[in-house]
Amino acid sequence: MSDADRRGAWRAALACMVCLAVAMGLGRFAFTPALPLMLQEGKLDLQGGGVLASLNYLGYFVGALSCAAIHARASAMVRIGLASTAALLLGMGLLHGFGAWGVMRAAAGVMSAWTFVFASGWGLRRLAETSAPRLGGVIYAGPGVGILLAGVLGGVSNRWGADGTWIAYGLAAVLLSAVIWRVFDDGAHHDSPTQTAAAPASAAQDKAASSDARWLVGLYGLAGFGYIITATFLPVIARQALPGSPWPDLFWPLFGLAVIPGAILGARLPLHWDNRLMLAGAYAMQALGVLLSVAWPTVVGFALGSLLLGLPFTAITLFAVRDARRLRGNAAAGLIGLATASYGVGQIVGPLFAAPLAQRTGSFSVPLLVAGAALLLGSLLFVAVWRRKQAPVPIG
């Protein structure tokens, strides 16, 4: 690789990392550290917070499904997503009322999905052109960078109240977007997502691939449900368990910090390793992270739980996309869309299930136990699907 190609690869990877930091880390997950302030100021109750979280995940679901029908250039869609995310974050601090917040959180979900899909496609294409595919881990570290930034900003700006915190998030999004804006000024590239047809398969291969695809879609939904309760309510859960402690606001940035090495290491795992077994291991790791907050509700328990939940967070997405490409090759977009939709359904259901139950009982223990069980079930089923495929086919 020439020096120019190396610089171009790093420039593309870092720009896409910042995109995902803005759209995912701030646009989607800034709500997590802002929620305790909104609860404390009486702007929301816990059930209302769960509804706003689910509206954001509903927006992500709709945005992910709509990507296949959008034929604009990826660079243009990335810029739309960045500008809209910044405006919506500022709007959360400048506008008031549950209805307005609901519309903005749903719209932020749509923008995060568009930016994630189109920035990923744009960046991975640039890395392929410059023979640097392993820098994909840098791109997928973006959500962790944004979550870390959201947690740190939330801790610094909480003296200004919830409105000031949202405005700080919006200004950070404006600044970061401005830094990378010109990177996507690539008029020579017409890069709307297109797919080529997969090679014809035998009837037996097609049947096996269809079965594997159904399992992937179904089990990926368990990952969405399993992590989202902790990811939405972690500071609230920690404050309940550790009243008066300064630690609860630090667990969310710790989660984001763990995402970064997890994404980079996940991209460097050997490509010949079975994606289903890697998904099983990642699900089991997240299950342990979720259950630690119930079994060991101390500073150490929450810290370890945050690390275990964050490390495989975007690696799970990477492994799922790889498995979809194993099954469908270059025509994997439809399967990736279905899997993303399933993940989105899990995310929508999680807060709607957890928040009312926690408000009635005064504890998140039962929702977290259910979430951990869902992840463990997914892990076991991925192993079972893998074992079934290893069984010898009877002859005669």
Protein backbone atom coordinates (compact mmCIF):
# COMPACT_ATOMS: atom_id res chain seq x y z
CA MET A 1 0.00 0.00 0.00
CA SER A 2 1.37 3.41 -0.97
CA ASP A 3 1.64 6.24 1.54
CA ALA A 4 -1.20 8.05 -0.28
CA ASP A 5 -3.44 4.98 -0.02
CA ARG A 6 -2.57 4.56 3.65
CA ARG A 7 -3.43 8.18 4.38
CA GLY A 8 -6.63 7.88 2.37
CA ALA A 9 -7.66 4.73 4.26
CA TRP A 10 -7.08 6.31 7.66
CA ARG A 11 -8.84 9.51 6.58
CA ALA A 12 -11.92 7.54 5.49
CA ALA A 13 -11.91 5.29 8.57
CA LEU A 14 -11.56 8.17 11.03
CA ALA A 15 -14.20 10.26 9.26
CA CYS A 16 -16.68 7.38 9.42
CA MET A 17 -15.76 6.76 13.06
CA VAL A 18 -16.69 10.36 13.83
CA CYS A 19 -19.93 9.95 11.83
CA LEU A 20 -20.97 7.02 13.97
CA ALA A 21 -19.86 8.83 17.12
CA VAL A 22 -22.25 11.68 16.25
CA ALA A 23 -25.18 9.67 14.88
CA MET A 24 -25.06 6.70 17.26
CA GLY A 25 -23.14 7.77 20.35
CA LEU A 26 -24.78 11.21 20.57
CA GLY A 27 -27.88 10.95 18.38
CA ARG A 28 -29.11 7.71 19.92
CA PHE A 29 -27.39 7.11 23.23
CA ALA A 30 -27.01 10.61 24.70
CA PHE A 31 -30.49 10.01 26.10
CA THR A 32 -29.04 7.52 28.60
CA PRO A 33 -26.94 10.01 30.63
CA ALA A 34 -29.53 12.78 30.11
CA LEU A 35 -32.44 10.70 31.47
CA PRO A 36 -31.50 10.91 35.18
CA LEU A 37 -31.40 14.72 34.92
CA MET A 38 -34.80 14.82 33.21
CA LEU A 39 -36.21 12.55 35.92
CA GLN A 40 -34.63 14.62 38.69
CA GLU A 41 -36.05 17.87 37.27
CA GLY A 42 -39.52 16.35 36.95
CA LYS A 43 -39.61 16.71 33.17
CA LEU A 44 -40.37 12.99 32.81
CA ASP A 45 -41.32 9.97 34.86
CA LEU A 46 -39.66 6.60 34.34
CA GLN A 47 -42.45 5.26 32.13
CA GLY A 48 -42.30 8.37 29.93
CA GLY A 49 -38.54 7.90 29.63
CA GLY A 50 -39.13 4.34 28.46
CA VAL A 51 -41.57 5.55 25.80
CA LEU A 52 -39.12 8.17 24.49
CA ALA A 53 -36.38 5.55 24.34
CA SER A 54 -38.62 3.16 22.43
CA LEU A 55 -39.65 5.93 20.00
CA ASN A 56 -35.97 6.45 19.22
CA TYR A 57 -35.51 2.74 18.60
CA LEU A 58 -38.69 2.71 16.49
CA GLY A 59 -37.16 5.48 14.40
CA TYR A 60 -34.01 3.41 13.99
CA PHE A 61 -36.14 0.44 12.90
CA VAL A 62 -37.97 2.54 10.28
CA GLY A 63 -34.74 4.15 9.11
CA ALA A 64 -33.01 0.80 8.69
CA LEU A 65 -35.90 -0.62 6.66
CA SER A 66 -36.05 2.47 4.44
CA CYS A 67 -32.38 2.34 3.45
CA ALA A 68 -32.98 -0.25 0.73
CA ALA A 69 -35.42 2.12 -1.00
CA ILE A 70 -33.10 5.16 -0.91
CA HIS A 71 -31.02 5.70 -4.05
CA ALA A 72 -29.16 8.89 -3.09
CA ARG A 73 -25.39 9.09 -2.93
CA ALA A 74 -24.00 7.80 0.36
CA SER A 75 -21.98 10.96 0.93
CA ALA A 76 -25.12 13.10 0.64
CA MET A 77 -27.04 10.86 3.05
CA VAL A 78 -24.20 11.03 5.57
CA ARG A 79 -24.27 14.82 5.49
CA ILE A 80 -28.05 14.87 5.89
CA GLY A 81 -27.75 12.54 8.87
CA LEU A 82 -25.02 14.58 10.56
CA ALA A 83 -26.78 17.94 10.13
CA SER A 84 -30.14 16.57 11.22
CA THR A 85 -28.68 14.82 14.28
CA ALA A 86 -27.06 18.05 15.47
CA ALA A 87 -30.30 19.99 14.97
CA LEU A 88 -32.37 17.38 16.81
CA LEU A 89 -29.99 17.31 19.78
CA LEU A 90 -30.17 21.10 20.06
CA GLY A 91 -33.95 20.86 19.75
CA MET A 92 -34.17 18.60 22.80
CA GLY A 93 -32.76 21.45 24.88
CA LEU A 94 -34.56 24.33 23.19
CA LEU A 95 -38.06 22.84 22.78
CA HIS A 96 -40.24 21.42 25.54
CA GLY A 97 -43.14 19.03 25.83
CA PHE A 98 -43.45 15.27 25.62
CA GLY A 99 -44.93 15.36 22.11
CA ALA A 100 -42.07 17.43 20.68
CA TRP A 101 -39.49 15.25 22.41
CA GLY A 102 -41.16 12.12 21.05
CA VAL A 103 -41.04 13.40 17.47
CA MET A 104 -37.41 14.45 17.84
CA ARG A 105 -36.28 11.17 19.41
CA ALA A 106 -38.02 9.19 16.66
CA ALA A 107 -36.44 11.40 13.97
CA ALA A 108 -33.03 11.03 15.62
CA GLY A 109 -33.47 7.26 15.38
CA VAL A 110 -34.14 7.50 11.63
CA MET A 111 -31.09 9.73 11.14
CA SER A 112 -28.85 7.40 13.13
CA ALA A 113 -29.90 4.42 10.99
CA TRP A 114 -29.33 6.30 7.74
CA THR A 115 -25.94 7.57 8.87
CA PHE A 116 -24.89 4.16 10.18
CA VAL A 117 -25.81 2.33 6.97
CA PHE A 118 -24.52 4.87 4.46
CA ALA A 119 -21.36 5.85 6.37
CA SER A 120 -20.52 2.15 6.86
CA GLY A 121 -21.01 1.44 3.16
CA TRP A 122 -19.04 4.52 2.10
CA GLY A 123 -16.19 3.78 4.48
CA LEU A 124 -15.91 0.05 3.82
CA ARG A 125 -15.83 0.74 0.08
CA ARG A 126 -12.96 3.22 0.55
CA LEU A 127 -11.08 0.70 2.70
CA ALA A 128 -11.55 -1.99 0.04
CA GLU A 129 -10.26 0.40 -2.63
CA THR A 130 -7.14 1.08 -0.56
CA SER A 131 -6.62 -2.55 0.52
CA ALA A 132 -7.11 -1.76 4.20
CA PRO A 133 -10.19 -3.80 5.27
CA ARG A 134 -8.94 -4.30 8.83
CA LEU A 135 -9.43 -0.59 9.51
CA GLY A 136 -13.15 -1.42 9.57
CA GLY A 137 -12.70 -1.85 13.31
CA VAL A 138 -11.82 1.85 13.54
CA ILE A 139 -15.13 2.73 11.87
CA TYR A 140 -17.15 0.58 14.28
CA ALA A 141 -15.35 2.05 17.27
CA GLY A 142 -17.34 5.23 16.51
CA PRO A 143 -20.40 4.42 18.66
CA GLY A 144 -18.11 3.80 21.62
CA VAL A 145 -16.32 7.12 21.08
CA GLY A 146 -19.68 8.91 20.98
CA ILE A 147 -21.03 7.11 24.05
CA LEU A 148 -17.85 7.99 25.96
CA LEU A 149 -18.18 11.62 24.86
CA ALA A 150 -21.88 11.69 25.82
CA GLY A 151 -21.11 10.30 29.26
CA VAL A 152 -18.28 12.74 29.92
CA LEU A 153 -20.25 15.73 28.59
CA GLY A 154 -23.25 14.68 30.66
CA GLY A 155 -21.17 14.62 33.81
CA VAL A 156 -19.59 18.03 33.09
CA SER A 157 -22.75 19.82 31.92
CA ASN A 158 -25.23 18.48 34.50
CA ARG A 159 -24.77 21.66 36.54
CA TRP A 160 -26.58 23.43 33.67
CA GLY A 161 -29.56 21.09 33.92
CA ALA A 162 -31.08 18.81 31.33
CA ASP A 163 -31.62 21.58 28.78
CA GLY A 164 -28.00 22.71 29.00
CA THR A 165 -26.83 19.10 28.65
CA TRP A 166 -28.82 18.58 25.44
CA ILE A 167 -27.50 21.85 24.02
CA ALA A 168 -23.95 20.74 24.86
CA TYR A 169 -24.57 17.50 22.96
CA GLY A 170 -25.88 19.45 19.98
CA LEU A 171 -22.90 21.82 19.92
CA ALA A 172 -20.51 18.85 20.13
CA ALA A 173 -22.30 17.28 17.16
CA VAL A 174 -21.98 20.54 15.17
CA LEU A 175 -18.26 20.78 15.91
CA LEU A 176 -17.49 17.14 15.06
CA SER A 177 -19.55 17.28 11.88
CA ALA A 178 -17.75 20.41 10.74
CA VAL A 179 -14.36 18.71 11.19
CA ILE A 180 -15.20 15.83 8.80
CA TRP A 181 -17.69 17.57 6.47
CA ARG A 182 -15.26 18.03 3.57
CA VAL A 183 -14.14 14.39 3.67
CA PHE A 184 -17.48 13.45 2.13
CA ASP A 185 -17.13 15.97 -0.72
CA ASP A 186 -16.54 13.24 -3.29
CA GLY A 187 -18.54 14.23 -6.33
CA ALA A 188 -16.57 11.82 -8.48
CA HIS A 189 -18.07 8.84 -6.67
CA HIS A 190 -21.65 7.80 -7.22
CA ASP A 191 -22.01 5.47 -4.33
CA SER A 192 -25.63 4.68 -3.65
CA PRO A 193 -25.79 1.18 -2.24
CA THR A 194 -26.11 -1.37 -5.02
CA GLN A 195 -25.85 -5.09 -4.84
CA THR A 196 -24.84 -7.65 -7.41
CA ALA A 197 -26.60 -10.95 -7.69
CA ALA A 198 -25.32 -13.93 -5.80
CA ALA A 199 -24.09 -16.99 -7.62
CA PRO A 200 -26.72 -19.68 -8.20
CA ALA A 201 -26.91 -22.28 -5.44
CA SER A 202 -28.15 -25.84 -5.40
CA ALA A 203 -31.56 -26.59 -3.91
CA ALA A 204 -29.98 -28.20 -0.84
CA GLN A 205 -27.60 -25.28 -0.32
CA ASP A 206 -30.45 -22.81 -0.75
CA LYS A 207 -32.61 -24.63 1.81
CA ALA A 208 -29.77 -24.76 4.35
CA ALA A 209 -28.95 -21.09 3.80
CA SER A 210 -32.62 -20.13 4.22
CA SER A 211 -32.77 -22.00 7.53
CA ASP A 212 -29.58 -20.33 8.74
CA ALA A 213 -30.91 -16.94 7.65
CA ARG A 214 -34.12 -17.40 9.67
CA TRP A 215 -32.08 -18.31 12.75
CA LEU A 216 -29.82 -15.28 12.27
CA VAL A 217 -32.79 -12.90 12.00
CA GLY A 218 -34.58 -14.37 15.01
CA LEU A 219 -31.57 -14.61 17.31
CA TYR A 220 -30.29 -11.14 16.40
CA GLY A 221 -33.53 -9.78 17.84
CA LEU A 222 -32.62 -11.32 21.21
CA ALA A 223 -29.41 -9.27 21.20
CA GLY A 224 -31.42 -6.08 20.68
CA PHE A 225 -33.71 -6.89 23.60
CA GLY A 226 -30.95 -8.23 25.84
CA TYR A 227 -28.65 -5.23 25.94
CA ILE A 228 -31.08 -2.34 25.55
CA ILE A 229 -32.56 -2.26 29.07
CA THR A 230 -29.13 -1.71 30.60
CA ALA A 231 -28.08 0.60 27.76
CA THR A 232 -31.15 2.80 28.31
CA PHE A 233 -31.35 2.88 32.11
CA LEU A 234 -27.79 2.16 33.37
CA PRO A 235 -27.29 5.46 35.28
CA VAL A 236 -30.82 5.17 36.77
CA ILE A 237 -30.21 1.56 37.82
CA ALA A 238 -26.82 2.42 39.34
CA ARG A 239 -28.22 5.41 41.24
CA GLN A 240 -30.91 3.19 42.77
CA ALA A 241 -28.28 0.68 43.90
CA LEU A 242 -25.67 3.24 45.00
CA PRO A 243 -27.54 6.25 46.40
CA GLY A 244 -25.34 9.26 47.01
CA SER A 245 -22.34 7.69 45.25
CA PRO A 246 -20.43 9.69 42.60
CA TRP A 247 -19.86 6.52 40.54
CA PRO A 248 -23.19 5.98 38.71
CA ASP A 249 -22.51 8.69 36.10
CA LEU A 250 -19.19 7.06 35.22
CA PHE A 251 -20.47 3.60 34.28
CA TRP A 252 -21.97 4.78 30.97
CA PRO A 253 -18.69 6.36 29.75
CA LEU A 254 -16.98 3.14 30.82
CA PHE A 255 -19.40 1.19 28.63
CA GLY A 256 -18.50 3.46 25.69
CA LEU A 257 -14.79 3.12 26.38
CA ALA A 258 -15.09 -0.69 26.26
CA VAL A 259 -16.81 -0.55 22.85
CA ILE A 260 -13.69 0.92 21.21
CA PRO A 261 -11.19 -1.96 21.78
CA GLY A 262 -14.02 -4.46 21.31
CA ALA A 263 -14.73 -3.16 17.80
CA ILE A 264 -11.06 -3.05 16.82
CA LEU A 265 -10.28 -6.52 18.20
CA GLY A 266 -13.46 -7.98 16.67
CA ALA A 267 -12.40 -6.79 13.21
CA ARG A 268 -9.01 -8.49 13.67
CA LEU A 269 -10.33 -11.95 14.55
CA PRO A 270 -9.57 -14.55 11.85
CA LEU A 271 -12.13 -14.52 9.04
CA HIS A 272 -12.28 -18.35 9.01
CA TRP A 273 -13.66 -18.48 12.58
CA ASP A 274 -17.34 -19.37 12.59
CA ASN A 275 -19.51 -16.27 13.01
CA ARG A 276 -22.19 -18.20 14.94
CA LEU A 277 -19.71 -19.29 17.60
CA MET A 278 -18.33 -15.74 17.89
CA LEU A 279 -21.89 -14.45 18.24
CA ALA A 280 -22.56 -17.08 20.92
CA GLY A 281 -19.49 -15.94 22.87
CA ALA A 282 -20.42 -12.27 22.51
CA TYR A 283 -24.00 -12.91 23.68
CA ALA A 284 -22.72 -14.84 26.71
CA MET A 285 -20.35 -12.00 27.59
CA GLN A 286 -23.17 -9.44 27.43
CA ALA A 287 -25.45 -11.71 29.47
CA LEU A 288 -22.85 -11.84 32.24
CA GLY A 289 -22.53 -8.05 32.09
CA VAL A 290 -26.30 -7.60 32.45
CA LEU A 291 -26.64 -10.10 35.29
CA LEU A 292 -23.74 -8.66 37.29
CA SER A 293 -25.79 -5.53 38.02
CA VAL A 294 -28.37 -7.75 39.73
CA ALA A 295 -26.08 -10.27 41.41
CA TRP A 296 -23.34 -7.81 42.45
CA PRO A 297 -24.81 -4.27 42.67
CA THR A 298 -21.60 -2.62 43.84
CA VAL A 299 -19.14 -0.23 42.21
CA VAL A 300 -16.98 -3.17 41.11
CA GLY A 301 -19.99 -5.15 39.86
CA PHE A 302 -21.35 -2.26 37.79
CA ALA A 303 -17.89 -1.46 36.42
CA LEU A 304 -17.28 -5.06 35.31
CA GLY A 305 -20.81 -5.28 33.96
CA SER A 306 -20.31 -2.11 31.89
CA LEU A 307 -17.09 -3.48 30.43
CA LEU A 308 -18.60 -6.86 29.58
CA LEU A 309 -21.65 -5.25 27.98
CA GLY A 310 -19.59 -2.79 25.95
CA LEU A 311 -16.74 -4.96 24.63
CA PRO A 312 -18.89 -7.06 22.25
CA PHE A 313 -21.44 -4.30 21.47
CA THR A 314 -20.44 -3.43 17.90
CA ALA A 315 -18.52 -6.69 17.40
CA ILE A 316 -21.93 -8.40 17.46
CA THR A 317 -23.00 -6.25 14.51
CA LEU A 318 -19.80 -7.07 12.65
CA PHE A 319 -20.21 -10.82 13.17
CA ALA A 320 -23.88 -10.71 12.12
CA VAL A 321 -23.05 -8.81 8.92
CA ARG A 322 -20.27 -11.29 8.14
CA ASP A 323 -22.68 -14.19 8.62
CA ALA A 324 -25.24 -12.56 6.35
CA ARG A 325 -22.55 -12.22 3.68
CA ARG A 326 -21.59 -15.87 4.20
CA LEU A 327 -25.18 -16.84 3.45
CA ARG A 328 -26.03 -14.38 0.66
CA GLY A 329 -22.73 -13.05 -0.63
CA ASN A 330 -22.98 -9.69 -2.40
CA ALA A 331 -26.78 -9.95 -2.29
CA ALA A 332 -26.82 -9.81 1.52
CA ALA A 333 -28.45 -6.38 1.83
CA GLY A 334 -31.96 -7.78 2.22
CA LEU A 335 -30.92 -10.23 4.94
CA ILE A 336 -28.93 -7.53 6.76
CA GLY A 337 -32.02 -5.32 6.62
CA LEU A 338 -34.24 -8.05 8.09
CA ALA A 339 -31.73 -8.80 10.84
CA THR A 340 -31.43 -5.09 11.65
CA ALA A 341 -35.22 -4.84 11.78
CA SER A 342 -35.35 -7.79 14.19
CA TYR A 343 -32.70 -6.14 16.37
CA GLY A 344 -34.77 -2.96 16.25
CA VAL A 345 -37.90 -4.77 17.43
CA GLY A 346 -35.95 -6.10 20.42
CA GLN A 347 -34.78 -2.58 21.24
CA ILE A 348 -38.32 -1.19 21.02
CA VAL A 349 -39.78 -3.88 23.28
CA GLY A 350 -37.06 -3.67 25.95
CA PRO A 351 -37.79 -0.22 27.45
CA LEU A 352 -41.56 -0.66 27.05
CA PHE A 353 -41.30 -3.87 29.06
CA ALA A 354 -38.80 -2.66 31.67
CA ALA A 355 -39.89 0.87 32.55
CA PRO A 356 -43.50 0.18 33.69
CA LEU A 357 -42.41 -2.89 35.66
CA ALA A 358 -39.57 -0.99 37.34
CA GLN A 359 -41.88 1.91 38.16
CA ARG A 360 -44.40 -0.42 39.81
CA THR A 361 -41.87 -2.52 41.74
CA GLY A 362 -39.20 0.12 42.38
CA SER A 363 -36.51 -2.17 40.94
CA PHE A 364 -35.03 -3.20 37.59
CA SER A 365 -34.08 -6.66 38.87
CA VAL A 366 -36.78 -8.63 37.07
CA PRO A 367 -36.35 -6.87 33.68
CA LEU A 368 -32.58 -7.35 33.89
CA LEU A 369 -32.94 -11.04 34.74
CA VAL A 370 -35.23 -11.49 31.73
CA ALA A 371 -32.76 -9.60 29.52
CA GLY A 372 -29.84 -11.72 30.71
CA ALA A 373 -31.85 -14.89 30.13
CA ALA A 374 -32.68 -13.76 26.57
CA LEU A 375 -28.98 -13.28 25.80
CA LEU A 376 -28.06 -16.65 27.29
CA LEU A 377 -30.81 -18.31 25.25
CA GLY A 378 -29.46 -16.67 22.11
CA SER A 379 -25.95 -17.87 22.90
CA LEU A 380 -27.09 -21.46 23.43
CA LEU A 381 -29.19 -21.46 20.27
CA PHE A 382 -26.31 -20.17 18.13
CA VAL A 383 -24.18 -23.05 19.44
CA ALA A 384 -27.03 -25.49 18.72
CA VAL A 385 -27.40 -24.19 15.14
CA TRP A 386 -23.64 -24.49 14.62
CA ARG A 387 -23.57 -28.05 16.03
CA ARG A 388 -26.46 -29.11 13.82
CA LYS A 389 -24.55 -27.95 10.75
CA GLN A 390 -21.48 -29.96 11.82
CA ALA A 391 -23.44 -33.23 12.09
CA PRO A 392 -22.62 -35.71 9.26
CA VAL A 393 -25.31 -36.10 6.61
CA PRO A 394 -26.67 -39.70 6.55
CA ILE A 395 -26.08 -41.60 3.28
CA GLY A 396 -28.69 -43.74 1.62
